[in-house]
Amino acid sequence: MQSPPGVLIVEDNELLRSFLRTAIEPTARVIEAHDAEEALRILENRGRAAIDLMLLDHVLPGRSGLELLKISKRDWPEMSVIILTAFGTEDLAVAAFREGAKDYLRKPIAPEALMKAVAAALPSTDGVLRYASPLGERSAGAALVKPTIRRALTFWRTLMSLGDLAQDALHPMMRRFEIRMLVAVWVLVLMTVWLIYIFTRGLGRP
């Protein structure tokens, strides 16, 4: 019997990781990483355990998702990559596909869209991932057929999306705030040096 495909989820939002794991785990072996560095350690030390697909968030602590995408396509070209982002732009989509991404999903991610993209990216093994529609045949989407599971996934998707949208929205604002603070500190230092110079010069006069 062939082993299930491996999926690496690289996402710093714990709620989103939980949503993705819940959706994919019935048909794949799931591994999680909260940032690019942890993902690289997993990829480098995976041994014989194949990782067929990486679900990769664009905004990560440290290295960005695009940086990790570039490294992964250079070192593990056989692995498919799907980029996830809350604020997708045409430029980002073009950059992701240029670097070798298989697909590009915008948050909040509908369970059906997620499973369709995952099934298209993973290699079919004995027909396990072959299906005509996201909720039709016995496939990667079969785990979502039951209404209770669909409701749970929809709840997780809504909850994680609120947190993830806030995080992505605050990220550039925090970056600008850090730059302004750095400029303010340097201005304060220069003013202090200038005042000390004026004061000591005044003391030196007869």
N, C-alpha and C. Protein backbone atom coordinates (compact mmCIF):
# COMPACT_ATOMS: atom_id res chain seq x y z
N MET A 1 0.85 -1.20 0.00
CA MET A 1 0.00 0.00 0.00
C MET A 1 0.88 1.24 0.00
N GLN A 2 0.55 2.18 -0.84
CA GLN A 2 1.36 3.38 -0.97
C GLN A 2 1.04 4.35 0.16
N SER A 3 2.09 5.00 0.69
CA SER A 3 1.90 5.92 1.80
C SER A 3 1.19 7.18 1.32
N PRO A 4 0.44 7.84 2.21
CA PRO A 4 -0.27 9.06 1.81
C PRO A 4 0.70 10.18 1.47
N PRO A 5 0.30 11.13 0.64
CA PRO A 5 1.19 12.24 0.31
C PRO A 5 1.47 13.11 1.54
N GLY A 6 2.63 13.78 1.52
CA GLY A 6 3.00 14.65 2.62
C GLY A 6 2.72 16.11 2.29
N VAL A 7 2.14 16.82 3.24
CA VAL A 7 1.84 18.24 3.06
C VAL A 7 2.47 19.02 4.21
N LEU A 8 3.27 20.02 3.87
CA LEU A 8 3.89 20.89 4.87
C LEU A 8 3.12 22.21 4.90
N ILE A 9 2.57 22.55 6.07
CA ILE A 9 1.85 23.81 6.25
C ILE A 9 2.79 24.80 6.92
N VAL A 10 3.07 25.90 6.24
CA VAL A 10 3.95 26.94 6.80
C VAL A 10 3.09 28.18 7.03
N GLU A 11 2.71 28.39 8.27
CA GLU A 11 1.78 29.47 8.63
C GLU A 11 1.99 29.83 10.10
N ASP A 12 2.14 31.12 10.40
CA ASP A 12 2.38 31.53 11.78
C ASP A 12 1.09 31.71 12.57
N ASN A 13 -0.05 31.72 11.90
CA ASN A 13 -1.33 31.85 12.58
C ASN A 13 -1.82 30.46 13.00
N GLU A 14 -1.92 30.25 14.30
CA GLU A 14 -2.25 28.91 14.81
C GLU A 14 -3.65 28.48 14.40
N LEU A 15 -4.60 29.42 14.37
CA LEU A 15 -5.97 29.08 13.98
C LEU A 15 -6.03 28.63 12.52
N LEU A 16 -5.30 29.32 11.66
CA LEU A 16 -5.29 28.94 10.26
C LEU A 16 -4.61 27.58 10.06
N ARG A 17 -3.53 27.33 10.80
CA ARG A 17 -2.88 26.01 10.72
C ARG A 17 -3.86 24.92 11.13
N SER A 18 -4.64 25.18 12.17
CA SER A 18 -5.62 24.20 12.65
C SER A 18 -6.68 23.93 11.59
N PHE A 19 -7.15 25.01 10.93
CA PHE A 19 -8.13 24.87 9.85
C PHE A 19 -7.57 24.03 8.71
N LEU A 20 -6.36 24.36 8.28
CA LEU A 20 -5.74 23.64 7.16
C LEU A 20 -5.52 22.17 7.51
N ARG A 21 -5.03 21.94 8.73
CA ARG A 21 -4.79 20.55 9.15
C ARG A 21 -6.10 19.76 9.17
N THR A 22 -7.16 20.35 9.73
CA THR A 22 -8.45 19.66 9.82
C THR A 22 -8.97 19.28 8.44
N ALA A 23 -8.77 20.18 7.48
CA ALA A 23 -9.27 19.92 6.13
C ALA A 23 -8.48 18.86 5.39
N ILE A 24 -7.15 18.84 5.59
CA ILE A 24 -6.28 18.02 4.76
C ILE A 24 -5.93 16.67 5.39
N GLU A 25 -5.94 16.61 6.71
CA GLU A 25 -5.44 15.42 7.42
C GLU A 25 -6.12 14.12 7.02
N PRO A 26 -7.42 14.09 6.67
CA PRO A 26 -8.01 12.80 6.30
C PRO A 26 -7.37 12.13 5.09
N THR A 27 -6.68 12.90 4.23
CA THR A 27 -6.14 12.30 3.01
C THR A 27 -4.64 12.50 2.85
N ALA A 28 -3.98 13.12 3.83
CA ALA A 28 -2.54 13.38 3.69
C ALA A 28 -1.86 13.37 5.04
N ARG A 29 -0.55 13.17 5.00
CA ARG A 29 0.28 13.26 6.20
C ARG A 29 0.71 14.73 6.34
N VAL A 30 0.26 15.36 7.43
CA VAL A 30 0.45 16.80 7.60
C VAL A 30 1.58 17.11 8.57
N ILE A 31 2.44 18.05 8.18
CA ILE A 31 3.52 18.55 9.03
C ILE A 31 3.35 20.06 9.11
N GLU A 32 3.63 20.63 10.27
CA GLU A 32 3.42 22.06 10.46
C GLU A 32 4.71 22.79 10.79
N ALA A 33 4.80 24.05 10.34
CA ALA A 33 5.91 24.94 10.67
C ALA A 33 5.35 26.34 10.85
N HIS A 34 5.86 27.08 11.83
CA HIS A 34 5.31 28.41 12.08
C HIS A 34 6.08 29.52 11.37
N ASP A 35 7.26 29.19 10.82
CA ASP A 35 7.99 30.20 10.05
C ASP A 35 8.89 29.51 9.02
N ALA A 36 9.59 30.33 8.23
CA ALA A 36 10.41 29.78 7.15
C ALA A 36 11.59 28.97 7.67
N GLU A 37 12.19 29.41 8.77
CA GLU A 37 13.35 28.70 9.30
C GLU A 37 12.98 27.29 9.75
N GLU A 38 11.85 27.17 10.44
CA GLU A 38 11.41 25.84 10.88
C GLU A 38 11.07 24.97 9.67
N ALA A 39 10.47 25.58 8.66
CA ALA A 39 10.13 24.82 7.44
C ALA A 39 11.39 24.29 6.76
N LEU A 40 12.43 25.12 6.70
CA LEU A 40 13.68 24.68 6.08
C LEU A 40 14.31 23.54 6.86
N ARG A 41 14.25 23.61 8.19
CA ARG A 41 14.80 22.51 9.00
C ARG A 41 14.05 21.21 8.73
N ILE A 42 12.73 21.31 8.61
CA ILE A 42 11.92 20.11 8.33
C ILE A 42 12.28 19.54 6.96
N LEU A 43 12.40 20.39 5.97
CA LEU A 43 12.72 19.94 4.61
C LEU A 43 14.11 19.32 4.54
N GLU A 44 15.06 19.90 5.25
CA GLU A 44 16.43 19.40 5.21
C GLU A 44 16.60 18.09 5.96
N ASN A 45 15.75 17.84 6.95
CA ASN A 45 15.90 16.65 7.80
C ASN A 45 14.74 15.66 7.64
N ARG A 46 14.08 15.70 6.52
CA ARG A 46 12.90 14.85 6.34
C ARG A 46 13.26 13.39 6.07
N GLY A 47 14.50 13.12 5.71
CA GLY A 47 14.90 11.75 5.42
C GLY A 47 14.17 11.20 4.21
N ARG A 48 13.57 10.02 4.36
CA ARG A 48 12.84 9.40 3.25
C ARG A 48 11.37 9.82 3.20
N ALA A 49 10.93 10.56 4.20
CA ALA A 49 9.53 10.98 4.23
C ALA A 49 9.31 12.09 3.20
N ALA A 50 8.59 11.76 2.15
CA ALA A 50 8.38 12.72 1.06
C ALA A 50 7.42 13.83 1.49
N ILE A 51 7.73 15.03 1.05
CA ILE A 51 6.81 16.16 1.20
C ILE A 51 6.45 16.60 -0.22
N ASP A 52 5.22 16.35 -0.58
CA ASP A 52 4.78 16.58 -1.96
C ASP A 52 4.25 17.99 -2.19
N LEU A 53 3.77 18.63 -1.12
CA LEU A 53 3.13 19.93 -1.26
C LEU A 53 3.42 20.80 -0.05
N MET A 54 3.65 22.09 -0.30
CA MET A 54 3.81 23.05 0.79
C MET A 54 2.73 24.13 0.64
N LEU A 55 1.94 24.32 1.69
CA LEU A 55 1.00 25.42 1.77
C LEU A 55 1.71 26.55 2.51
N LEU A 56 1.97 27.63 1.82
CA LEU A 56 2.92 28.64 2.30
C LEU A 56 2.27 30.01 2.42
N ASP A 57 2.26 30.54 3.64
CA ASP A 57 1.74 31.89 3.85
C ASP A 57 2.73 32.92 3.32
N HIS A 58 2.21 33.99 2.74
CA HIS A 58 3.09 35.02 2.19
C HIS A 58 3.78 35.83 3.27
N VAL A 59 3.02 36.21 4.33
CA VAL A 59 3.57 37.03 5.42
C VAL A 59 3.97 36.12 6.57
N LEU A 60 5.27 36.04 6.84
CA LEU A 60 5.81 35.21 7.90
C LEU A 60 6.81 36.00 8.73
N PRO A 61 7.04 35.60 9.98
CA PRO A 61 8.11 36.23 10.75
C PRO A 61 9.46 35.92 10.10
N GLY A 62 10.33 36.91 10.01
CA GLY A 62 11.64 36.67 9.38
C GLY A 62 11.51 36.63 7.87
N ARG A 63 11.98 35.56 7.27
CA ARG A 63 11.90 35.43 5.82
C ARG A 63 10.46 35.37 5.35
N SER A 64 10.21 36.01 4.21
CA SER A 64 8.85 36.02 3.66
C SER A 64 8.55 34.70 2.95
N GLY A 65 7.27 34.53 2.62
CA GLY A 65 6.88 33.33 1.89
C GLY A 65 7.52 33.25 0.52
N LEU A 66 7.67 34.40 -0.15
CA LEU A 66 8.31 34.39 -1.47
C LEU A 66 9.78 33.98 -1.38
N GLU A 67 10.46 34.40 -0.31
CA GLU A 67 11.86 33.98 -0.13
C GLU A 67 11.94 32.47 0.05
N LEU A 68 11.05 31.93 0.89
CA LEU A 68 11.05 30.48 1.11
C LEU A 68 10.66 29.75 -0.17
N LEU A 69 9.73 30.31 -0.94
CA LEU A 69 9.35 29.71 -2.22
C LEU A 69 10.54 29.60 -3.15
N LYS A 70 11.32 30.66 -3.23
CA LYS A 70 12.49 30.67 -4.11
C LYS A 70 13.51 29.60 -3.69
N ILE A 71 13.74 29.50 -2.38
CA ILE A 71 14.69 28.50 -1.87
C ILE A 71 14.17 27.08 -2.13
N SER A 72 12.89 26.87 -1.86
CA SER A 72 12.33 25.52 -2.00
C SER A 72 12.32 25.05 -3.45
N LYS A 73 12.03 25.95 -4.38
CA LYS A 73 12.03 25.56 -5.79
C LYS A 73 13.43 25.32 -6.31
N ARG A 74 14.42 25.95 -5.66
CA ARG A 74 15.82 25.71 -6.04
C ARG A 74 16.31 24.37 -5.50
N ASP A 75 15.99 24.07 -4.24
CA ASP A 75 16.52 22.87 -3.59
C ASP A 75 15.60 21.65 -3.67
N TRP A 76 14.30 21.88 -3.77
CA TRP A 76 13.33 20.77 -3.86
C TRP A 76 12.34 21.07 -4.98
N PRO A 77 12.80 21.09 -6.21
CA PRO A 77 11.94 21.49 -7.35
C PRO A 77 10.74 20.58 -7.57
N GLU A 78 10.81 19.35 -7.08
CA GLU A 78 9.69 18.42 -7.30
C GLU A 78 8.50 18.72 -6.39
N MET A 79 8.70 19.52 -5.35
CA MET A 79 7.64 19.82 -4.39
C MET A 79 6.76 20.97 -4.89
N SER A 80 5.46 20.75 -4.93
CA SER A 80 4.53 21.80 -5.32
C SER A 80 4.34 22.79 -4.17
N VAL A 81 4.06 24.04 -4.51
CA VAL A 81 3.86 25.09 -3.50
C VAL A 81 2.61 25.89 -3.84
N ILE A 82 1.75 26.07 -2.84
CA ILE A 82 0.57 26.93 -2.97
C ILE A 82 0.75 28.11 -2.01
N ILE A 83 0.69 29.33 -2.55
CA ILE A 83 0.85 30.53 -1.74
C ILE A 83 -0.50 30.94 -1.16
N LEU A 84 -0.50 31.32 0.13
CA LEU A 84 -1.70 31.81 0.81
C LEU A 84 -1.47 33.26 1.22
N THR A 85 -2.47 34.12 1.01
CA THR A 85 -2.30 35.51 1.40
C THR A 85 -3.65 36.16 1.68
N ALA A 86 -3.66 37.10 2.63
CA ALA A 86 -4.89 37.82 2.96
C ALA A 86 -5.12 39.01 2.05
N PHE A 87 -4.02 39.67 1.63
CA PHE A 87 -4.12 40.84 0.78
C PHE A 87 -3.38 40.58 -0.52
N GLY A 88 -4.02 39.82 -1.42
CA GLY A 88 -3.37 39.46 -2.67
C GLY A 88 -3.43 40.60 -3.67
N THR A 89 -2.34 40.80 -4.36
CA THR A 89 -2.30 41.78 -5.45
C THR A 89 -1.85 41.07 -6.71
N GLU A 90 -2.08 41.70 -7.84
CA GLU A 90 -1.67 41.11 -9.11
C GLU A 90 -0.16 40.94 -9.17
N ASP A 91 0.57 41.93 -8.62
CA ASP A 91 2.02 41.85 -8.62
C ASP A 91 2.51 40.66 -7.80
N LEU A 92 1.88 40.44 -6.64
CA LEU A 92 2.26 39.30 -5.80
C LEU A 92 1.97 37.99 -6.50
N ALA A 93 0.81 37.89 -7.15
CA ALA A 93 0.46 36.66 -7.87
C ALA A 93 1.46 36.39 -8.99
N VAL A 94 1.81 37.43 -9.74
CA VAL A 94 2.79 37.27 -10.83
C VAL A 94 4.13 36.82 -10.27
N ALA A 95 4.57 37.44 -9.16
CA ALA A 95 5.85 37.08 -8.55
C ALA A 95 5.83 35.64 -8.06
N ALA A 96 4.71 35.21 -7.46
CA ALA A 96 4.60 33.85 -6.94
C ALA A 96 4.67 32.83 -8.08
N PHE A 97 3.94 33.06 -9.16
CA PHE A 97 3.97 32.12 -10.28
C PHE A 97 5.33 32.14 -10.98
N ARG A 98 5.96 33.30 -11.02
CA ARG A 98 7.28 33.39 -11.65
C ARG A 98 8.31 32.57 -10.86
N GLU A 99 8.16 32.55 -9.54
CA GLU A 99 9.09 31.78 -8.72
C GLU A 99 8.75 30.29 -8.66
N GLY A 100 7.63 29.90 -9.28
CA GLY A 100 7.33 28.48 -9.39
C GLY A 100 6.16 27.98 -8.57
N ALA A 101 5.34 28.89 -8.03
CA ALA A 101 4.18 28.45 -7.26
C ALA A 101 3.19 27.71 -8.15
N LYS A 102 2.57 26.67 -7.59
CA LYS A 102 1.57 25.89 -8.33
C LYS A 102 0.23 26.60 -8.35
N ASP A 103 -0.11 27.27 -7.25
CA ASP A 103 -1.39 27.95 -7.16
C ASP A 103 -1.27 29.08 -6.14
N TYR A 104 -2.36 29.84 -6.05
CA TYR A 104 -2.36 31.06 -5.26
C TYR A 104 -3.77 31.23 -4.69
N LEU A 105 -3.89 31.18 -3.34
CA LEU A 105 -5.20 31.27 -2.71
C LEU A 105 -5.29 32.49 -1.81
N ARG A 106 -6.39 33.21 -1.93
CA ARG A 106 -6.60 34.38 -1.08
C ARG A 106 -7.43 34.01 0.14
N LYS A 107 -7.06 34.55 1.29
CA LYS A 107 -7.82 34.36 2.51
C LYS A 107 -8.97 35.37 2.55
N PRO A 108 -10.10 34.98 3.15
CA PRO A 108 -10.41 33.69 3.76
C PRO A 108 -10.61 32.60 2.71
N ILE A 109 -10.10 31.42 3.01
CA ILE A 109 -10.07 30.33 2.04
C ILE A 109 -11.29 29.44 2.23
N ALA A 110 -12.09 29.28 1.20
CA ALA A 110 -13.23 28.37 1.25
C ALA A 110 -12.72 26.93 1.27
N PRO A 111 -13.31 26.06 2.10
CA PRO A 111 -12.86 24.67 2.16
C PRO A 111 -12.84 23.98 0.80
N GLU A 112 -13.87 24.24 -0.01
CA GLU A 112 -13.93 23.59 -1.33
C GLU A 112 -12.79 24.05 -2.23
N ALA A 113 -12.49 25.37 -2.19
CA ALA A 113 -11.39 25.90 -3.01
C ALA A 113 -10.06 25.34 -2.54
N LEU A 114 -9.91 25.21 -1.23
CA LEU A 114 -8.66 24.65 -0.68
C LEU A 114 -8.46 23.23 -1.15
N MET A 115 -9.50 22.38 -1.02
CA MET A 115 -9.35 20.97 -1.36
C MET A 115 -9.17 20.77 -2.86
N LYS A 116 -9.80 21.63 -3.65
CA LYS A 116 -9.61 21.53 -5.10
C LYS A 116 -8.18 21.85 -5.47
N ALA A 117 -7.60 22.90 -4.85
CA ALA A 117 -6.22 23.28 -5.14
C ALA A 117 -5.24 22.22 -4.66
N VAL A 118 -5.51 21.65 -3.47
CA VAL A 118 -4.64 20.61 -2.92
C VAL A 118 -4.67 19.37 -3.80
N ALA A 119 -5.86 18.95 -4.20
CA ALA A 119 -5.99 17.76 -5.04
C ALA A 119 -5.29 17.95 -6.39
N ALA A 120 -5.35 19.18 -6.94
CA ALA A 120 -4.70 19.44 -8.22
C ALA A 120 -3.18 19.46 -8.08
N ALA A 121 -2.69 19.84 -6.90
CA ALA A 121 -1.24 19.96 -6.71
C ALA A 121 -0.59 18.65 -6.32
N LEU A 122 -1.34 17.77 -5.64
CA LEU A 122 -0.76 16.51 -5.17
C LEU A 122 -0.80 15.46 -6.28
N PRO A 123 0.22 14.60 -6.30
CA PRO A 123 0.20 13.50 -7.28
C PRO A 123 -0.88 12.49 -6.92
N SER A 124 -1.64 12.04 -7.92
CA SER A 124 -2.69 11.05 -7.67
C SER A 124 -2.04 9.70 -7.33
N THR A 125 -2.55 9.06 -6.29
CA THR A 125 -2.05 7.74 -5.90
C THR A 125 -3.22 6.76 -5.86
N ASP A 126 -3.29 5.86 -6.83
CA ASP A 126 -4.35 4.87 -6.93
C ASP A 126 -5.74 5.51 -6.95
N GLY A 127 -5.84 6.70 -7.54
CA GLY A 127 -7.13 7.36 -7.66
C GLY A 127 -7.62 8.03 -6.40
N VAL A 128 -6.79 8.08 -5.35
CA VAL A 128 -7.24 8.63 -4.08
C VAL A 128 -7.62 10.09 -4.23
N LEU A 129 -6.85 10.85 -5.03
CA LEU A 129 -7.09 12.28 -5.15
C LEU A 129 -7.78 12.66 -6.45
N ARG A 130 -8.23 11.68 -7.22
CA ARG A 130 -8.92 11.98 -8.46
C ARG A 130 -10.41 12.17 -8.18
N TYR A 131 -10.94 13.33 -8.52
CA TYR A 131 -12.36 13.54 -8.33
C TYR A 131 -12.86 14.59 -9.31
N ALA A 132 -14.15 14.52 -9.62
CA ALA A 132 -14.72 15.44 -10.61
C ALA A 132 -15.10 16.77 -10.01
N SER A 133 -15.52 16.77 -8.74
CA SER A 133 -15.90 18.02 -8.08
C SER A 133 -15.40 17.99 -6.65
N PRO A 134 -15.28 19.14 -5.99
CA PRO A 134 -14.73 19.18 -4.65
C PRO A 134 -15.50 18.33 -3.66
N LEU A 135 -16.80 18.14 -3.84
CA LEU A 135 -17.59 17.39 -2.87
C LEU A 135 -18.25 16.17 -3.49
N GLY A 136 -17.80 15.78 -4.67
CA GLY A 136 -18.49 14.72 -5.39
C GLY A 136 -18.07 13.33 -4.99
N GLU A 137 -16.99 12.83 -5.59
CA GLU A 137 -16.61 11.44 -5.43
C GLU A 137 -15.76 11.25 -4.19
N ARG A 138 -15.37 10.02 -3.96
CA ARG A 138 -14.50 9.70 -2.83
C ARG A 138 -13.12 10.24 -3.19
N SER A 139 -12.67 11.26 -2.49
CA SER A 139 -11.49 11.99 -2.90
C SER A 139 -10.97 12.81 -1.76
N ALA A 140 -10.04 13.75 -2.11
CA ALA A 140 -9.50 14.63 -1.08
C ALA A 140 -10.59 15.50 -0.49
N GLY A 141 -11.70 15.74 -1.22
CA GLY A 141 -12.78 16.55 -0.68
C GLY A 141 -13.83 15.76 0.07
N ALA A 142 -13.68 14.45 0.13
CA ALA A 142 -14.72 13.63 0.75
C ALA A 142 -14.89 13.94 2.23
N ALA A 143 -13.82 14.36 2.90
CA ALA A 143 -13.89 14.64 4.32
C ALA A 143 -14.77 15.84 4.61
N LEU A 144 -15.08 16.65 3.58
CA LEU A 144 -15.87 17.85 3.80
C LEU A 144 -17.35 17.65 3.49
N VAL A 145 -17.73 16.44 3.10
CA VAL A 145 -19.13 16.21 2.70
C VAL A 145 -20.08 16.33 3.88
N LYS A 146 -19.71 15.82 5.04
CA LYS A 146 -20.61 15.84 6.18
C LYS A 146 -20.88 17.28 6.63
N PRO A 147 -22.11 17.65 6.84
CA PRO A 147 -22.44 19.02 7.21
C PRO A 147 -21.75 19.48 8.49
N THR A 148 -21.61 18.58 9.48
CA THR A 148 -20.98 18.98 10.74
C THR A 148 -19.52 19.39 10.53
N ILE A 149 -18.82 18.63 9.68
CA ILE A 149 -17.43 18.96 9.40
C ILE A 149 -17.35 20.26 8.63
N ARG A 150 -18.24 20.44 7.67
CA ARG A 150 -18.25 21.68 6.88
C ARG A 150 -18.52 22.88 7.77
N ARG A 151 -19.46 22.74 8.72
CA ARG A 151 -19.77 23.86 9.61
C ARG A 151 -18.57 24.18 10.49
N ALA A 152 -17.89 23.13 10.98
CA ALA A 152 -16.72 23.36 11.83
C ALA A 152 -15.62 24.07 11.07
N LEU A 153 -15.39 23.62 9.84
CA LEU A 153 -14.35 24.24 9.03
C LEU A 153 -14.69 25.68 8.68
N THR A 154 -15.98 25.94 8.42
CA THR A 154 -16.40 27.31 8.12
C THR A 154 -16.20 28.20 9.32
N PHE A 155 -16.50 27.68 10.51
CA PHE A 155 -16.28 28.46 11.74
C PHE A 155 -14.81 28.78 11.92
N TRP A 156 -13.95 27.76 11.77
CA TRP A 156 -12.50 27.98 11.91
C TRP A 156 -12.01 28.96 10.86
N ARG A 157 -12.52 28.85 9.63
CA ARG A 157 -12.09 29.75 8.56
C ARG A 157 -12.44 31.20 8.89
N THR A 158 -13.66 31.41 9.40
CA THR A 158 -14.09 32.77 9.75
C THR A 158 -13.25 33.32 10.89
N LEU A 159 -13.04 32.50 11.91
CA LEU A 159 -12.30 32.94 13.09
C LEU A 159 -10.86 33.27 12.76
N MET A 160 -10.20 32.37 12.02
CA MET A 160 -8.79 32.62 11.70
C MET A 160 -8.64 33.77 10.73
N SER A 161 -9.63 33.98 9.87
CA SER A 161 -9.53 35.05 8.90
C SER A 161 -9.53 36.41 9.57
N LEU A 162 -10.36 36.57 10.60
CA LEU A 162 -10.39 37.84 11.32
C LEU A 162 -9.03 38.15 11.92
N GLY A 163 -8.43 37.14 12.58
CA GLY A 163 -7.13 37.35 13.18
C GLY A 163 -6.05 37.56 12.13
N ASP A 164 -6.13 36.82 11.04
CA ASP A 164 -5.09 36.92 10.03
C ASP A 164 -5.17 38.23 9.25
N LEU A 165 -6.40 38.69 8.98
CA LEU A 165 -6.57 39.97 8.31
C LEU A 165 -6.02 41.10 9.17
N ALA A 166 -6.28 41.03 10.48
CA ALA A 166 -5.77 42.06 11.37
C ALA A 166 -4.25 42.03 11.42
N GLN A 167 -3.68 40.81 11.46
CA GLN A 167 -2.23 40.69 11.52
C GLN A 167 -1.57 41.23 10.26
N ASP A 168 -2.11 40.85 9.09
CA ASP A 168 -1.53 41.33 7.84
C ASP A 168 -1.71 42.83 7.66
N ALA A 169 -2.85 43.36 8.18
CA ALA A 169 -3.08 44.80 8.06
C ALA A 169 -2.13 45.59 8.95
N LEU A 170 -1.84 45.04 10.13
CA LEU A 170 -0.97 45.75 11.07
C LEU A 170 0.50 45.62 10.72
N HIS A 171 0.84 44.59 9.94
CA HIS A 171 2.26 44.34 9.64
C HIS A 171 2.93 45.54 8.97
N PRO A 172 2.40 46.10 7.86
CA PRO A 172 3.05 47.27 7.28
C PRO A 172 3.02 48.49 8.17
N MET A 173 1.94 48.64 9.00
CA MET A 173 1.86 49.77 9.91
C MET A 173 2.94 49.70 10.97
N MET A 174 3.17 48.49 11.50
CA MET A 174 4.22 48.30 12.50
C MET A 174 5.59 48.55 11.89
N ARG A 175 5.75 48.16 10.64
CA ARG A 175 7.02 48.39 9.96
C ARG A 175 7.29 49.89 9.82
N ARG A 176 6.26 50.64 9.40
CA ARG A 176 6.42 52.09 9.28
C ARG A 176 6.69 52.73 10.63
N PHE A 177 6.02 52.21 11.68
CA PHE A 177 6.23 52.75 13.02
C PHE A 177 7.66 52.52 13.48
N GLU A 178 8.22 51.33 13.18
CA GLU A 178 9.60 51.04 13.56
C GLU A 178 10.58 51.98 12.85
N ILE A 179 10.33 52.26 11.57
CA ILE A 179 11.20 53.16 10.81
C ILE A 179 11.13 54.57 11.39
N ARG A 180 9.92 55.04 11.71
CA ARG A 180 9.76 56.37 12.27
C ARG A 180 10.44 56.48 13.63
N MET A 181 10.32 55.44 14.44
CA MET A 181 10.97 55.44 15.74
C MET A 181 12.48 55.52 15.60
N LEU A 182 13.04 54.78 14.62
CA LEU A 182 14.47 54.80 14.39
C LEU A 182 14.94 56.19 13.96
N VAL A 183 14.17 56.81 13.07
CA VAL A 183 14.51 58.17 12.64
C VAL A 183 14.44 59.13 13.81
N ALA A 184 13.39 59.00 14.65
CA ALA A 184 13.24 59.89 15.81
C ALA A 184 14.41 59.74 16.78
N VAL A 185 14.86 58.51 16.99
CA VAL A 185 16.00 58.28 17.89
C VAL A 185 17.25 58.96 17.36
N TRP A 186 17.49 58.82 16.06
CA TRP A 186 18.68 59.45 15.48
C TRP A 186 18.59 60.97 15.54
N VAL A 187 17.42 61.53 15.32
CA VAL A 187 17.24 62.98 15.43
C VAL A 187 17.51 63.44 16.86
N LEU A 188 17.02 62.66 17.82
CA LEU A 188 17.24 62.98 19.23
C LEU A 188 18.72 62.93 19.58
N VAL A 189 19.42 61.92 19.07
CA VAL A 189 20.86 61.80 19.33
C VAL A 189 21.62 62.99 18.75
N LEU A 190 21.29 63.35 17.50
CA LEU A 190 21.97 64.48 16.85
C LEU A 190 21.69 65.79 17.57
N MET A 191 20.44 65.99 18.02
CA MET A 191 20.11 67.20 18.78
C MET A 191 20.85 67.26 20.10
N THR A 192 20.98 66.09 20.75
CA THR A 192 21.70 66.03 22.03
C THR A 192 23.17 66.37 21.83
N VAL A 193 23.77 65.81 20.79
CA VAL A 193 25.18 66.11 20.50
C VAL A 193 25.35 67.59 20.19
N TRP A 194 24.41 68.14 19.42
CA TRP A 194 24.49 69.56 19.05
C TRP A 194 24.36 70.46 20.27
N LEU A 195 23.44 70.14 21.20
CA LEU A 195 23.25 70.92 22.43
C LEU A 195 24.47 70.83 23.34
N ILE A 196 25.06 69.63 23.42
CA ILE A 196 26.28 69.47 24.24
C ILE A 196 27.41 70.31 23.66
N TYR A 197 27.50 70.31 22.33
CA TYR A 197 28.53 71.12 21.67
C TYR A 197 28.35 72.60 21.98
N ILE A 198 27.10 73.10 21.86
CA ILE A 198 26.80 74.51 22.13
C ILE A 198 27.11 74.85 23.59
N PHE A 199 26.70 73.95 24.49
CA PHE A 199 26.91 74.20 25.91
C PHE A 199 28.38 74.23 26.28
N THR A 200 29.16 73.24 25.81
CA THR A 200 30.58 73.20 26.13
C THR A 200 31.33 74.35 25.47
N ARG A 201 30.86 74.76 24.30
CA ARG A 201 31.50 75.91 23.63
C ARG A 201 31.27 77.19 24.43
N GLY A 202 30.05 77.32 24.99
CA GLY A 202 29.75 78.48 25.81
C GLY A 202 30.55 78.54 27.09
N LEU A 203 30.79 77.34 27.67
CA LEU A 203 31.59 77.30 28.88
C LEU A 203 33.05 77.67 28.63
N GLY A 204 33.50 77.41 27.43
CA GLY A 204 34.93 77.66 27.11
C GLY A 204 35.22 79.12 26.85
N ARG A 205 34.15 79.92 26.71
CA ARG A 205 34.41 81.35 26.43
C ARG A 205 34.80 82.09 27.70
N PRO A 206 35.73 83.11 27.61
CA PRO A 206 36.15 83.90 28.80
C PRO A 206 35.02 84.79 29.29
